[in-house]
């Protein structure tokens, strides 16, 4: 499954540093923009591999929540 995210990036002391705007906590860096993209993809994949949901004895429900800033 392919997902699309927004890579927000900047340069800091010669490094390209960035984060995925839609996924808090996924940051990385690289010596080039291409390397940053590769590294941020790897960071996201690693985060998803280690993400585990607790085993629940009840069936969770879902509700859409609207937040106004």
PDB file of N, CA and C in Angstrom:
ATOM      1  N   UNK A   1       0.844  -1.173   0.000  1.00  0.00           N
ATOM      2  CA  UNK A   1       0.000   0.000   0.000  1.00  0.00           C
ATOM      3  C   UNK A   1       0.892   1.240   0.000  1.00  0.00           C
ATOM      4  N   UNK A   2       0.613   2.146  -0.889  1.00  0.00           N
ATOM      5  CA  UNK A   2       1.381   3.390  -0.955  1.00  0.00           C
ATOM      6  C   UNK A   2       0.614   4.495  -0.240  1.00  0.00           C
ATOM      7  N   UNK A   3       1.314   5.247   0.596  1.00  0.00           N
ATOM      8  CA  UNK A   3       0.733   6.405   1.284  1.00  0.00           C
ATOM      9  C   UNK A   3       1.484   7.637   0.826  1.00  0.00           C
ATOM     10  N   UNK A   4       0.854   8.773   0.866  1.00  0.00           N
ATOM     11  CA  UNK A   4       1.472  10.026   0.456  1.00  0.00           C
ATOM     12  C   UNK A   4       1.508  10.959   1.661  1.00  0.00           C
ATOM     13  N   UNK A   5       2.682  11.491   1.955  1.00  0.00           N
ATOM     14  CA  UNK A   5       2.872  12.408   3.076  1.00  0.00           C
ATOM     15  C   UNK A   5       3.567  13.671   2.593  1.00  0.00           C
ATOM     16  N   UNK A   6       3.566  14.690   3.417  1.00  0.00           N
ATOM     17  CA  UNK A   6       4.250  15.941   3.125  1.00  0.00           C
ATOM     18  C   UNK A   6       5.575  15.961   3.863  1.00  0.00           C
ATOM     19  N   UNK A   7       6.676  16.059   3.123  1.00  0.00           N
ATOM     20  CA  UNK A   7       8.002  16.182   3.725  1.00  0.00           C
ATOM     21  C   UNK A   7       8.306  17.668   3.879  1.00  0.00           C
ATOM     22  N   UNK A   8       8.388  18.111   5.108  1.00  0.00           N
ATOM     23  CA  UNK A   8       8.783  19.492   5.402  1.00  0.00           C
ATOM     24  C   UNK A   8      10.277  19.441   5.722  1.00  0.00           C
ATOM     25  N   UNK A   9      11.094  20.228   5.015  1.00  0.00           N
ATOM     26  CA  UNK A   9      12.539  20.118   5.220  1.00  0.00           C
ATOM     27  C   UNK A   9      13.210  21.483   5.197  1.00  0.00           C
ATOM     28  N   UNK A  10      14.415  21.521   5.735  1.00  0.00           N
ATOM     29  CA  UNK A  10      15.226  22.723   5.804  1.00  0.00           C
ATOM     30  C   UNK A  10      16.691  22.317   5.845  1.00  0.00           C
ATOM     31  N   UNK A  11      17.568  23.260   5.651  1.00  0.00           N
ATOM     32  CA  UNK A  11      18.997  22.980   5.731  1.00  0.00           C
ATOM     33  C   UNK A  11      19.549  23.528   7.037  1.00  0.00           C
ATOM     34  N   UNK A  12      20.374  22.717   7.684  1.00  0.00           N
ATOM     35  CA  UNK A  12      20.974  23.087   8.960  1.00  0.00           C
ATOM     36  C   UNK A  12      22.432  22.653   8.942  1.00  0.00           C
ATOM     37  N   UNK A  13      23.316  23.613   8.875  1.00  0.00           N
ATOM     38  CA  UNK A  13      24.766  23.358   8.867  1.00  0.00           C
ATOM     39  C   UNK A  13      25.155  22.340   7.795  1.00  0.00           C
ATOM     40  N   UNK A  14      24.601  22.515   6.594  1.00  0.00           N
ATOM     41  CA  UNK A  14      24.963  21.656   5.471  1.00  0.00           C
ATOM     42  C   UNK A  14      24.149  20.380   5.345  1.00  0.00           C
ATOM     43  N   UNK A  15      23.316  20.063   6.323  1.00  0.00           N
ATOM     44  CA  UNK A  15      22.484  18.856   6.286  1.00  0.00           C
ATOM     45  C   UNK A  15      21.067  19.235   5.881  1.00  0.00           C
ATOM     46  N   UNK A  16      20.410  18.336   5.160  1.00  0.00           N
ATOM     47  CA  UNK A  16      18.983  18.462   4.904  1.00  0.00           C
ATOM     48  C   UNK A  16      18.278  17.737   6.049  1.00  0.00           C
ATOM     49  N   UNK A  17      17.430  18.442   6.758  1.00  0.00           N
ATOM     50  CA  UNK A  17      16.715  17.901   7.912  1.00  0.00           C
ATOM     51  C   UNK A  17      15.227  18.018   7.613  1.00  0.00           C
ATOM     52  N   UNK A  18      14.456  17.003   7.984  1.00  0.00           N
ATOM     53  CA  UNK A  18      13.039  17.077   7.674  1.00  0.00           C
ATOM     54  C   UNK A  18      12.178  16.204   8.561  1.00  0.00           C
ATOM     55  N   UNK A  19      10.884  16.406   8.378  1.00  0.00           N
ATOM     56  CA  UNK A  19       9.886  15.646   9.133  1.00  0.00           C
ATOM     57  C   UNK A  19       8.683  15.402   8.246  1.00  0.00           C
ATOM     58  N   UNK A  20       7.918  14.382   8.587  1.00  0.00           N
ATOM     59  CA  UNK A  20       6.647  14.137   7.918  1.00  0.00           C
ATOM     60  C   UNK A  20       5.580  14.913   8.688  1.00  0.00           C
ATOM     61  N   UNK A  21       4.959  15.887   8.032  1.00  0.00           N
ATOM     62  CA  UNK A  21       3.990  16.743   8.711  1.00  0.00           C
ATOM     63  C   UNK A  21       2.816  15.963   9.283  1.00  0.00           C
ATOM     64  N   UNK A  22       2.382  14.930   8.585  1.00  0.00           N
ATOM     65  CA  UNK A  22       1.197  14.180   9.015  1.00  0.00           C
ATOM     66  C   UNK A  22       1.499  13.121  10.066  1.00  0.00           C
ATOM     67  N   UNK A  23       2.766  12.859  10.336  1.00  0.00           N
ATOM     68  CA  UNK A  23       3.122  11.786  11.275  1.00  0.00           C
ATOM     69  C   UNK A  23       4.068  12.358  12.338  1.00  0.00           C
ATOM     70  N   UNK A  24       3.532  12.781  13.477  1.00  0.00           N
ATOM     71  CA  UNK A  24       4.391  13.358  14.513  1.00  0.00           C
ATOM     72  C   UNK A  24       5.506  12.396  14.935  1.00  0.00           C
ATOM     73  N   UNK A  25       6.689  12.928  15.091  1.00  0.00           N
ATOM     74  CA  UNK A  25       7.806  12.136  15.585  1.00  0.00           C
ATOM     75  C   UNK A  25       8.658  11.487  14.514  1.00  0.00           C
ATOM     76  N   UNK A  26       8.293  11.610  13.236  1.00  0.00           N
ATOM     77  CA  UNK A  26       9.116  11.015  12.177  1.00  0.00           C
ATOM     78  C   UNK A  26       9.989  12.117  11.575  1.00  0.00           C
ATOM     79  N   UNK A  27      11.236  12.156  12.033  1.00  0.00           N
ATOM     80  CA  UNK A  27      12.245  13.114  11.594  1.00  0.00           C
ATOM     81  C   UNK A  27      13.430  12.339  11.035  1.00  0.00           C
ATOM     82  N   UNK A  28      14.215  12.973  10.170  1.00  0.00           N
ATOM     83  CA  UNK A  28      15.465  12.387   9.709  1.00  0.00           C
ATOM     84  C   UNK A  28      16.318  13.478   9.095  1.00  0.00           C
ATOM     85  N   UNK A  29      17.473  13.065   8.580  1.00  0.00           N
ATOM     86  CA  UNK A  29      18.395  14.005   7.938  1.00  0.00           C
ATOM     87  C   UNK A  29      19.186  13.280   6.861  1.00  0.00           C
ATOM     88  N   UNK A  30      19.845  14.056   6.013  1.00  0.00           N
ATOM     89  CA  UNK A  30      20.676  13.487   4.972  1.00  0.00           C
ATOM     90  C   UNK A  30      21.599  14.544   4.401  1.00  0.00           C
ATOM     91  N   UNK A  31      22.653  14.091   3.738  1.00  0.00           N
ATOM     92  CA  UNK A  31      23.599  15.030   3.139  1.00  0.00           C
ATOM     93  C   UNK A  31      23.033  15.660   1.867  1.00  0.00           C
ATOM     94  N   UNK A  32      21.970  15.060   1.295  1.00  0.00           N
ATOM     95  CA  UNK A  32      21.300  15.607   0.119  1.00  0.00           C
ATOM     96  C   UNK A  32      19.800  15.425   0.318  1.00  0.00           C
ATOM     97  N   UNK A  33      19.021  16.091  -0.525  1.00  0.00           N
ATOM     98  CA  UNK A  33      17.568  15.945  -0.436  1.00  0.00           C
ATOM     99  C   UNK A  33      17.146  14.519  -0.762  1.00  0.00           C
ATOM    100  N   UNK A  34      17.823  13.897  -1.717  1.00  0.00           N
ATOM    101  CA  UNK A  34      17.517  12.499  -2.065  1.00  0.00           C
ATOM    102  C   UNK A  34      17.801  11.579  -0.871  1.00  0.00           C
ATOM    103  N   UNK A  35      18.932  11.798  -0.210  1.00  0.00           N
ATOM    104  CA  UNK A  35      19.266  10.969   0.960  1.00  0.00           C
ATOM    105  C   UNK A  35      18.272  11.205   2.089  1.00  0.00           C
ATOM    106  N   UNK A  36      17.841  12.456   2.281  1.00  0.00           N
ATOM    107  CA  UNK A  36      16.822  12.739   3.297  1.00  0.00           C
ATOM    108  C   UNK A  36      15.538  11.983   2.975  1.00  0.00           C
ATOM    109  N   UNK A  37      15.099  12.007   1.721  1.00  0.00           N
ATOM    110  CA  UNK A  37      13.880  11.284   1.342  1.00  0.00           C
ATOM    111  C   UNK A  37      14.014   9.790   1.629  1.00  0.00           C
ATOM    112  N   UNK A  38      15.147   9.203   1.277  1.00  0.00           N
ATOM    113  CA  UNK A  38      15.372   7.777   1.564  1.00  0.00           C
ATOM    114  C   UNK A  38      15.325   7.521   3.069  1.00  0.00           C
ATOM    115  N   UNK A  39      15.998   8.380   3.836  1.00  0.00           N
ATOM    116  CA  UNK A  39      16.072   8.194   5.288  1.00  0.00           C
ATOM    117  C   UNK A  39      14.719   8.397   5.961  1.00  0.00           C
ATOM    118  N   UNK A  40      13.937   9.375   5.491  1.00  0.00           N
ATOM    119  CA  UNK A  40      12.631   9.618   6.108  1.00  0.00           C
ATOM    120  C   UNK A  40      11.685   8.463   5.808  1.00  0.00           C
ATOM    121  N   UNK A  41      11.790   7.879   4.608  1.00  0.00           N
ATOM    122  CA  UNK A  41      10.978   6.700   4.282  1.00  0.00           C
ATOM    123  C   UNK A  41      11.351   5.532   5.183  1.00  0.00           C
ATOM    124  N   UNK A  42      12.636   5.339   5.394  1.00  0.00           N
ATOM    125  CA  UNK A  42      13.101   4.256   6.268  1.00  0.00           C
ATOM    126  C   UNK A  42      12.644   4.484   7.707  1.00  0.00           C
ATOM    127  N   UNK A  43      12.715   5.728   8.177  1.00  0.00           N
ATOM    128  CA  UNK A  43      12.266   6.045   9.541  1.00  0.00           C
ATOM    129  C   UNK A  43      10.777   5.743   9.695  1.00  0.00           C
ATOM    130  N   UNK A  44       9.984   6.088   8.694  1.00  0.00           N
ATOM    131  CA  UNK A  44       8.543   5.807   8.746  1.00  0.00           C
ATOM    132  C   UNK A  44       8.288   4.301   8.762  1.00  0.00           C
ATOM    133  N   UNK A  45       8.980   3.571   7.893  1.00  0.00           N
ATOM    134  CA  UNK A  45       8.795   2.112   7.850  1.00  0.00           C
ATOM    135  C   UNK A  45       9.175   1.464   9.176  1.00  0.00           C
ATOM    136  N   UNK A  46      10.270   1.899   9.772  1.00  0.00           N
ATOM    137  CA  UNK A  46      10.690   1.352  11.065  1.00  0.00           C
ATOM    138  C   UNK A  46       9.667   1.662  12.152  1.00  0.00           C
ATOM    139  N   UNK A  47       9.136   2.881  12.133  1.00  0.00           N
ATOM    140  CA  UNK A  47       8.125   3.250  13.107  1.00  0.00           C
ATOM    141  C   UNK A  47       6.882   2.376  12.950  1.00  0.00           C
ATOM    142  N   UNK A  48       6.470   2.123  11.713  1.00  0.00           N
ATOM    143  CA  UNK A  48       5.286   1.304  11.481  1.00  0.00           C
ATOM    144  C   UNK A  48       5.511  -0.158  11.878  1.00  0.00           C
ATOM    145  N   UNK A  49       6.732  -0.664  11.696  1.00  0.00           N
ATOM    146  CA  UNK A  49       7.037  -2.048  12.081  1.00  0.00           C
ATOM    147  C   UNK A  49       6.964  -2.236  13.584  1.00  0.00           C
ATOM    148  N   UNK A  50       7.364  -1.226  14.342  1.00  0.00           N
ATOM    149  CA  UNK A  50       7.408  -1.360  15.796  1.00  0.00           C
ATOM    150  C   UNK A  50       6.114  -0.924  16.454  1.00  0.00           C
ATOM    151  N   UNK A  51       5.213  -0.315  15.686  1.00  0.00           N
ATOM    152  CA  UNK A  51       3.927   0.126  16.223  1.00  0.00           C
ATOM    153  C   UNK A  51       3.062  -1.096  16.496  1.00  0.00           C
ATOM    154  N   UNK A  52       2.681  -1.288  17.743  1.00  0.00           N
ATOM    155  CA  UNK A  52       1.805  -2.405  18.081  1.00  0.00           C
ATOM    156  C   UNK A  52       0.603  -1.872  18.843  1.00  0.00           C
ATOM    157  N   UNK A  53      -0.527  -2.393  18.516  1.00  0.00           N
ATOM    158  CA  UNK A  53      -1.743  -2.006  19.206  1.00  0.00           C
ATOM    159  C   UNK A  53      -1.990  -2.956  20.369  1.00  0.00           C
ATOM    160  N   UNK A  54      -2.481  -2.433  21.465  1.00  0.00           N
ATOM    161  CA  UNK A  54      -2.764  -3.315  22.599  1.00  0.00           C
ATOM    162  C   UNK A  54      -3.897  -4.278  22.260  1.00  0.00           C
ATOM    163  N   UNK A  55      -3.841  -5.454  22.821  1.00  0.00           N
ATOM    164  CA  UNK A  55      -4.907  -6.429  22.624  1.00  0.00           C
ATOM    165  C   UNK A  55      -6.062  -6.041  23.544  1.00  0.00           C
ATOM    166  N   UNK A  56      -7.211  -5.815  22.951  1.00  0.00           N
ATOM    167  CA  UNK A  56      -8.375  -5.375  23.705  1.00  0.00           C
ATOM    168  C   UNK A  56      -9.365  -6.515  23.864  1.00  0.00           C
ATOM    169  N   UNK A  57     -10.037  -6.529  25.014  1.00  0.00           N
ATOM    170  CA  UNK A  57     -11.066  -7.550  25.232  1.00  0.00           C
ATOM    171  C   UNK A  57     -12.425  -7.061  24.745  1.00  0.00           C
ATOM    172  N   UNK A  58     -12.482  -5.810  24.300  1.00  0.00           N
ATOM    173  CA  UNK A  58     -13.720  -5.253  23.761  1.00  0.00           C
ATOM    174  C   UNK A  58     -13.462  -4.748  22.350  1.00  0.00           C
ATOM    175  N   UNK A  59     -14.511  -4.581  21.578  1.00  0.00           N
ATOM    176  CA  UNK A  59     -14.378  -4.064  20.215  1.00  0.00           C
ATOM    177  C   UNK A  59     -14.385  -2.539  20.267  1.00  0.00           C
ATOM    178  N   UNK A  60     -13.297  -1.885  19.816  1.00  0.00           N
ATOM    179  CA  UNK A  60     -13.271  -0.420  19.850  1.00  0.00           C
ATOM    180  C   UNK A  60     -14.222   0.174  18.813  1.00  0.00           C
ATOM    181  N   UNK A  61     -14.707   1.356  19.119  1.00  0.00           N
ATOM    182  CA  UNK A  61     -15.556   2.098  18.193  1.00  0.00           C
ATOM    183  C   UNK A  61     -14.753   3.264  17.656  1.00  0.00           C
ATOM    184  N   UNK A  62     -15.211   3.839  16.554  1.00  0.00           N
ATOM    185  CA  UNK A  62     -14.539   4.997  15.972  1.00  0.00           C
ATOM    186  C   UNK A  62     -15.541   6.122  15.802  1.00  0.00           C
ATOM    187  N   UNK A  63     -15.043   7.351  15.949  1.00  0.00           N
ATOM    188  CA  UNK A  63     -15.880   8.527  15.774  1.00  0.00           C
ATOM    189  C   UNK A  63     -15.028   9.614  15.163  1.00  0.00           C
ATOM    190  N   UNK A  64     -15.542  10.308  14.169  1.00  0.00           N
ATOM    191  CA  UNK A  64     -14.842  11.421  13.563  1.00  0.00           C
ATOM    192  C   UNK A  64     -14.923  12.613  14.506  1.00  0.00           C
ATOM    193  N   UNK A  65     -13.777  13.267  14.717  1.00  0.00           N
ATOM    194  CA  UNK A  65     -13.699  14.417  15.608  1.00  0.00           C
ATOM    195  C   UNK A  65     -13.218  15.620  14.809  1.00  0.00           C
ATOM    196  N   UNK A  66     -13.908  16.735  14.913  1.00  0.00           N
ATOM    197  CA  UNK A  66     -13.537  17.961  14.235  1.00  0.00           C
ATOM    198  C   UNK A  66     -12.903  18.905  15.258  1.00  0.00           C
ATOM    199  N   UNK A  67     -11.709  19.414  14.941  1.00  0.00           N
ATOM    200  CA  UNK A  67     -10.993  20.317  15.838  1.00  0.00           C
ATOM    201  C   UNK A  67     -10.774  21.630  15.093  1.00  0.00           C
ATOM    202  N   UNK A  68     -11.214  22.714  15.693  1.00  0.00           N
ATOM    203  CA  UNK A  68     -11.041  24.035  15.096  1.00  0.00           C
ATOM    204  C   UNK A  68      -9.898  24.741  15.795  1.00  0.00           C
ATOM    205  N   UNK A  69      -8.967  25.243  15.006  1.00  0.00           N
ATOM    206  CA  UNK A  69      -7.822  25.968  15.571  1.00  0.00           C
ATOM    207  C   UNK A  69      -8.075  27.453  15.534  1.00  0.00           C
TER     208      UNK A  69
END
